[in-house]
């Protein structure tokens, strides 16, 4: 390949590059109505693009007819006021119910945490009882009977390990509850 051919290909590739930084369908923007509203005149979906220095200001336009058939554009408008109005209307409708729902959800979460704490408390009490019982059995065993003493010692050690597990679980649940209260 000679230098002139290289320059021609390079120019062709450069001319094929999109002129704006962002091209294609905006999928991760902040606009609320992307893909939801249609043009009243031609019934096509309005196209959304972002403008501004940081490409964060939504702009809705009906340019599909112009792009496909060369027809004049139907409508174009900035999306900030529209999105603000939609947001305000939505929060006005959802707001009162949302407060009640959040209150119910918080009460339910508190109730569930309390149930978990109570269950862990009962588990801890049962594990401590089993450990105490295993100790009494081990203590009452005849040291001369090594097989029985070894079995009772193993039971005692397993019951002590169970007590430690339940204590750790209860501590973790208490720490989680305290952290949840601190973040709220």
C-alpha atoms as a PDB file:
ATOM      1  CA  UNK A   1       0.000   0.000   0.000  1.00  0.00           C
ATOM      2  CA  UNK A   2       1.387   3.378  -0.917  1.00  0.00           C
ATOM      3  CA  UNK A   3       1.144   6.586   1.085  1.00  0.00           C
ATOM      4  CA  UNK A   4      -1.615   8.152  -1.034  1.00  0.00           C
ATOM      5  CA  UNK A   5      -3.845   5.068  -0.615  1.00  0.00           C
ATOM      6  CA  UNK A   6      -3.215   5.111   3.160  1.00  0.00           C
ATOM      7  CA  UNK A   7      -4.218   8.799   3.358  1.00  0.00           C
ATOM      8  CA  UNK A   8      -7.374   8.151   1.310  1.00  0.00           C
ATOM      9  CA  UNK A   9      -8.451   5.302   3.603  1.00  0.00           C
ATOM     10  CA  UNK A  10      -7.653   7.361   6.687  1.00  0.00           C
ATOM     11  CA  UNK A  11      -9.747  10.273   5.387  1.00  0.00           C
ATOM     12  CA  UNK A  12     -12.629   7.929   4.591  1.00  0.00           C
ATOM     13  CA  UNK A  13     -12.536   6.384   8.079  1.00  0.00           C
ATOM     14  CA  UNK A  14     -12.360   9.834   9.695  1.00  0.00           C
ATOM     15  CA  UNK A  15     -15.369  11.030   7.725  1.00  0.00           C
ATOM     16  CA  UNK A  16     -17.351   7.973   8.874  1.00  0.00           C
ATOM     17  CA  UNK A  17     -16.844   8.750  12.565  1.00  0.00           C
ATOM     18  CA  UNK A  18     -19.867  10.179  14.372  1.00  0.00           C
ATOM     19  CA  UNK A  19     -19.731  13.913  14.945  1.00  0.00           C
ATOM     20  CA  UNK A  20     -20.963  13.795  18.541  1.00  0.00           C
ATOM     21  CA  UNK A  21     -19.397  11.912  21.403  1.00  0.00           C
ATOM     22  CA  UNK A  22     -22.641  10.112  22.240  1.00  0.00           C
ATOM     23  CA  UNK A  23     -24.456   8.258  19.526  1.00  0.00           C
ATOM     24  CA  UNK A  24     -27.060   5.552  19.436  1.00  0.00           C
ATOM     25  CA  UNK A  25     -29.995   5.080  21.758  1.00  0.00           C
ATOM     26  CA  UNK A  26     -29.542   6.693  25.155  1.00  0.00           C
ATOM     27  CA  UNK A  27     -29.976   3.854  27.606  1.00  0.00           C
ATOM     28  CA  UNK A  28     -28.456   5.033  30.846  1.00  0.00           C
ATOM     29  CA  UNK A  29     -29.610   8.617  31.123  1.00  0.00           C
ATOM     30  CA  UNK A  30     -31.662  10.404  33.720  1.00  0.00           C
ATOM     31  CA  UNK A  31     -34.717  11.207  31.577  1.00  0.00           C
ATOM     32  CA  UNK A  32     -37.966   9.814  32.956  1.00  0.00           C
ATOM     33  CA  UNK A  33     -39.945   9.482  29.732  1.00  0.00           C
ATOM     34  CA  UNK A  34     -37.407   7.813  27.426  1.00  0.00           C
ATOM     35  CA  UNK A  35     -39.313   5.638  24.955  1.00  0.00           C
ATOM     36  CA  UNK A  36     -42.684   6.379  26.570  1.00  0.00           C
ATOM     37  CA  UNK A  37     -44.069   9.419  24.776  1.00  0.00           C
ATOM     38  CA  UNK A  38     -45.234   9.743  21.184  1.00  0.00           C
ATOM     39  CA  UNK A  39     -45.694  12.599  18.779  1.00  0.00           C
ATOM     40  CA  UNK A  40     -49.283  13.833  18.593  1.00  0.00           C
ATOM     41  CA  UNK A  41     -48.990  14.614  14.880  1.00  0.00           C
ATOM     42  CA  UNK A  42     -47.355  11.467  13.454  1.00  0.00           C
ATOM     43  CA  UNK A  43     -47.664   8.997  16.392  1.00  0.00           C
ATOM     44  CA  UNK A  44     -43.977   8.077  16.268  1.00  0.00           C
ATOM     45  CA  UNK A  45     -41.975   7.715  19.473  1.00  0.00           C
ATOM     46  CA  UNK A  46     -40.088  10.826  20.457  1.00  0.00           C
ATOM     47  CA  UNK A  47     -36.336  10.532  20.266  1.00  0.00           C
ATOM     48  CA  UNK A  48     -34.314  11.421  23.334  1.00  0.00           C
ATOM     49  CA  UNK A  49     -30.893  12.997  23.216  1.00  0.00           C
ATOM     50  CA  UNK A  50     -28.793  14.676  25.871  1.00  0.00           C
ATOM     51  CA  UNK A  51     -27.254  18.104  25.386  1.00  0.00           C
ATOM     52  CA  UNK A  52     -25.259  20.545  27.436  1.00  0.00           C
ATOM     53  CA  UNK A  53     -21.600  20.624  28.346  1.00  0.00           C
ATOM     54  CA  UNK A  54     -21.810  17.360  30.287  1.00  0.00           C
ATOM     55  CA  UNK A  55     -24.493  15.738  28.117  1.00  0.00           C
ATOM     56  CA  UNK A  56     -26.957  15.549  31.006  1.00  0.00           C
ATOM     57  CA  UNK A  57     -29.832  17.783  29.842  1.00  0.00           C
ATOM     58  CA  UNK A  58     -32.579  15.706  28.166  1.00  0.00           C
ATOM     59  CA  UNK A  59     -34.178  16.881  24.926  1.00  0.00           C
ATOM     60  CA  UNK A  60     -37.152  15.152  23.318  1.00  0.00           C
ATOM     61  CA  UNK A  61     -37.771  15.480  19.590  1.00  0.00           C
ATOM     62  CA  UNK A  62     -39.805  13.896  16.831  1.00  0.00           C
ATOM     63  CA  UNK A  63     -37.243  13.540  14.094  1.00  0.00           C
ATOM     64  CA  UNK A  64     -38.014  10.030  12.833  1.00  0.00           C
ATOM     65  CA  UNK A  65     -40.040  11.337   9.875  1.00  0.00           C
ATOM     66  CA  UNK A  66     -37.208  13.678   8.949  1.00  0.00           C
ATOM     67  CA  UNK A  67     -34.625  10.902   9.255  1.00  0.00           C
ATOM     68  CA  UNK A  68     -36.648   8.302   7.344  1.00  0.00           C
ATOM     69  CA  UNK A  69     -38.576  10.313   4.743  1.00  0.00           C
ATOM     70  CA  UNK A  70     -37.169  13.832   4.769  1.00  0.00           C
ATOM     71  CA  UNK A  71     -40.390  15.202   6.314  1.00  0.00           C
ATOM     72  CA  UNK A  72     -40.174  18.318   8.486  1.00  0.00           C
ATOM     73  CA  UNK A  73     -39.614  17.758  12.183  1.00  0.00           C
ATOM     74  CA  UNK A  74     -42.850  17.695  14.169  1.00  0.00           C
ATOM     75  CA  UNK A  75     -41.777  18.889  17.608  1.00  0.00           C
ATOM     76  CA  UNK A  76     -38.757  19.287  19.844  1.00  0.00           C
ATOM     77  CA  UNK A  77     -38.545  20.467  23.441  1.00  0.00           C
ATOM     78  CA  UNK A  78     -36.256  20.407  26.447  1.00  0.00           C
ATOM     79  CA  UNK A  79     -36.926  17.700  28.967  1.00  0.00           C
ATOM     80  CA  UNK A  80     -35.978  19.321  32.278  1.00  0.00           C
ATOM     81  CA  UNK A  81     -39.330  21.018  32.935  1.00  0.00           C
ATOM     82  CA  UNK A  82     -41.304  18.031  31.668  1.00  0.00           C
ATOM     83  CA  UNK A  83     -39.360  15.593  33.828  1.00  0.00           C
ATOM     84  CA  UNK A  84     -39.697  17.904  36.852  1.00  0.00           C
ATOM     85  CA  UNK A  85     -43.474  18.119  36.341  1.00  0.00           C
ATOM     86  CA  UNK A  86     -43.772  14.337  35.964  1.00  0.00           C
ATOM     87  CA  UNK A  87     -41.622  13.784  39.052  1.00  0.00           C
ATOM     88  CA  UNK A  88     -43.721  16.210  41.109  1.00  0.00           C
ATOM     89  CA  UNK A  89     -46.999  14.630  39.963  1.00  0.00           C
ATOM     90  CA  UNK A  90     -45.694  11.125  40.623  1.00  0.00           C
ATOM     91  CA  UNK A  91     -44.464  11.992  44.104  1.00  0.00           C
ATOM     92  CA  UNK A  92     -47.776  13.730  44.806  1.00  0.00           C
ATOM     93  CA  UNK A  93     -49.638  10.527  43.995  1.00  0.00           C
ATOM     94  CA  UNK A  94     -47.177   8.104  45.566  1.00  0.00           C
ATOM     95  CA  UNK A  95     -46.138  10.279  48.530  1.00  0.00           C
ATOM     96  CA  UNK A  96     -48.967   9.674  51.029  1.00  0.00           C
ATOM     97  CA  UNK A  97     -49.061   5.946  50.361  1.00  0.00           C
ATOM     98  CA  UNK A  98     -45.289   5.741  50.412  1.00  0.00           C
ATOM     99  CA  UNK A  99     -45.110   7.150  53.938  1.00  0.00           C
ATOM    100  CA  UNK A 100     -47.646   4.613  55.174  1.00  0.00           C
ATOM    101  CA  UNK A 101     -45.895   1.785  53.321  1.00  0.00           C
ATOM    102  CA  UNK A 102     -42.510   2.796  54.745  1.00  0.00           C
ATOM    103  CA  UNK A 103     -43.965   2.882  58.260  1.00  0.00           C
ATOM    104  CA  UNK A 104     -45.479  -0.582  57.841  1.00  0.00           C
ATOM    105  CA  UNK A 105     -42.226  -1.923  56.353  1.00  0.00           C
ATOM    106  CA  UNK A 106     -40.167  -0.490  59.221  1.00  0.00           C
ATOM    107  CA  UNK A 107     -42.528  -1.994  61.800  1.00  0.00           C
ATOM    108  CA  UNK A 108     -42.389  -5.367  60.050  1.00  0.00           C
ATOM    109  CA  UNK A 109     -38.583  -5.269  59.893  1.00  0.00           C
ATOM    110  CA  UNK A 110     -38.403  -4.411  63.600  1.00  0.00           C
ATOM    111  CA  UNK A 111     -40.811  -7.253  64.397  1.00  0.00           C
ATOM    112  CA  UNK A 112     -38.745  -9.727  62.360  1.00  0.00           C
ATOM    113  CA  UNK A 113     -35.510  -8.626  64.043  1.00  0.00           C
ATOM    114  CA  UNK A 114     -37.145  -9.038  67.441  1.00  0.00           C
ATOM    115  CA  UNK A 115     -38.311 -12.534  66.488  1.00  0.00           C
ATOM    116  CA  UNK A 116     -34.776 -13.443  65.400  1.00  0.00           C
ATOM    117  CA  UNK A 117     -33.362 -12.128  68.683  1.00  0.00           C
ATOM    118  CA  UNK A 118     -35.943 -14.074  70.690  1.00  0.00           C
ATOM    119  CA  UNK A 119     -35.252 -17.272  68.732  1.00  0.00           C
ATOM    120  CA  UNK A 120     -31.513 -16.875  69.240  1.00  0.00           C
ATOM    121  CA  UNK A 121     -32.120 -16.288  72.953  1.00  0.00           C
ATOM    122  CA  UNK A 122     -34.131 -19.520  73.174  1.00  0.00           C
ATOM    123  CA  UNK A 123     -31.445 -21.382  71.208  1.00  0.00           C
ATOM    124  CA  UNK A 124     -28.761 -20.025  73.527  1.00  0.00           C
ATOM    125  CA  UNK A 125     -30.731 -21.060  76.614  1.00  0.00           C
ATOM    126  CA  UNK A 126     -31.230 -24.577  75.202  1.00  0.00           C
ATOM    127  CA  UNK A 127     -27.550 -24.870  74.246  1.00  0.00           C
ATOM    128  CA  UNK A 128     -26.439 -23.761  77.713  1.00  0.00           C
ATOM    129  CA  UNK A 129     -28.827 -26.246  79.315  1.00  0.00           C
ATOM    130  CA  UNK A 130     -27.460 -29.041  77.101  1.00  0.00           C
ATOM    131  CA  UNK A 131     -23.883 -28.039  77.977  1.00  0.00           C
ATOM    132  CA  UNK A 132     -24.693 -27.980  81.704  1.00  0.00           C
ATOM    133  CA  UNK A 133     -26.394 -31.363  81.450  1.00  0.00           C
ATOM    134  CA  UNK A 134     -23.432 -32.808  79.535  1.00  0.00           C
ATOM    135  CA  UNK A 135     -21.069 -31.463  82.215  1.00  0.00           C
ATOM    136  CA  UNK A 136     -23.149 -33.045  85.008  1.00  0.00           C
ATOM    137  CA  UNK A 137     -23.184 -36.390  83.175  1.00  0.00           C
ATOM    138  CA  UNK A 138     -19.437 -36.197  82.587  1.00  0.00           C
ATOM    139  CA  UNK A 139     -18.818 -35.204  86.204  1.00  0.00           C
ATOM    140  CA  UNK A 140     -20.965 -38.088  87.493  1.00  0.00           C
ATOM    141  CA  UNK A 141     -19.232 -40.687  85.303  1.00  0.00           C
ATOM    142  CA  UNK A 142     -16.843 -43.178  86.816  1.00  0.00           C
ATOM    143  CA  UNK A 143     -13.296 -42.205  85.752  1.00  0.00           C
ATOM    144  CA  UNK A 144     -12.360 -45.863  85.684  1.00  0.00           C
ATOM    145  CA  UNK A 145     -14.788 -46.470  82.837  1.00  0.00           C
ATOM    146  CA  UNK A 146     -12.740 -44.743  80.163  1.00  0.00           C
ATOM    147  CA  UNK A 147     -15.022 -45.468  77.187  1.00  0.00           C
ATOM    148  CA  UNK A 148     -18.040 -43.890  78.876  1.00  0.00           C
ATOM    149  CA  UNK A 149     -15.967 -40.966  80.184  1.00  0.00           C
ATOM    150  CA  UNK A 150     -14.498 -40.332  76.704  1.00  0.00           C
ATOM    151  CA  UNK A 151     -17.973 -40.372  75.120  1.00  0.00           C
ATOM    152  CA  UNK A 152     -19.378 -37.997  77.747  1.00  0.00           C
ATOM    153  CA  UNK A 153     -16.381 -35.698  77.351  1.00  0.00           C
ATOM    154  CA  UNK A 154     -16.987 -35.591  73.581  1.00  0.00           C
ATOM    155  CA  UNK A 155     -20.666 -34.732  74.145  1.00  0.00           C
ATOM    156  CA  UNK A 156     -19.673 -31.998  76.575  1.00  0.00           C
ATOM    157  CA  UNK A 157     -17.167 -30.517  74.111  1.00  0.00           C
ATOM    158  CA  UNK A 158     -19.741 -30.577  71.287  1.00  0.00           C
ATOM    159  CA  UNK A 159     -22.327 -28.888  73.499  1.00  0.00           C
ATOM    160  CA  UNK A 160     -19.803 -26.197  74.504  1.00  0.00           C
ATOM    161  CA  UNK A 161     -19.000 -25.620  70.820  1.00  0.00           C
ATOM    162  CA  UNK A 162     -22.742 -25.268  70.113  1.00  0.00           C
ATOM    163  CA  UNK A 163     -23.034 -22.694  72.923  1.00  0.00           C
ATOM    164  CA  UNK A 164     -20.164 -20.727  71.360  1.00  0.00           C
ATOM    165  CA  UNK A 165     -21.808 -20.853  67.899  1.00  0.00           C
ATOM    166  CA  UNK A 166     -25.151 -19.586  69.207  1.00  0.00           C
ATOM    167  CA  UNK A 167     -23.446 -16.853  71.261  1.00  0.00           C
ATOM    168  CA  UNK A 168     -21.606 -15.669  68.138  1.00  0.00           C
ATOM    169  CA  UNK A 169     -24.844 -15.694  66.105  1.00  0.00           C
ATOM    170  CA  UNK A 170     -26.660 -13.741  68.842  1.00  0.00           C
ATOM    171  CA  UNK A 171     -23.805 -11.234  69.042  1.00  0.00           C
ATOM    172  CA  UNK A 172     -23.757 -10.797  65.253  1.00  0.00           C
ATOM    173  CA  UNK A 173     -27.533 -10.241  65.199  1.00  0.00           C
ATOM    174  CA  UNK A 174     -27.242  -7.642  67.970  1.00  0.00           C
ATOM    175  CA  UNK A 175     -24.397  -5.833  66.173  1.00  0.00           C
ATOM    176  CA  UNK A 176     -26.378  -5.863  62.914  1.00  0.00           C
ATOM    177  CA  UNK A 177     -29.417  -4.404  64.713  1.00  0.00           C
ATOM    178  CA  UNK A 178     -27.295  -1.639  66.261  1.00  0.00           C
ATOM    179  CA  UNK A 179     -25.725  -0.779  62.892  1.00  0.00           C
ATOM    180  CA  UNK A 180     -29.152  -0.727  61.240  1.00  0.00           C
ATOM    181  CA  UNK A 181     -30.401   1.687  63.907  1.00  0.00           C
ATOM    182  CA  UNK A 182     -27.340   3.911  63.466  1.00  0.00           C
ATOM    183  CA  UNK A 183     -27.840   4.174  59.697  1.00  0.00           C
ATOM    184  CA  UNK A 184     -31.519   5.070  60.113  1.00  0.00           C
END
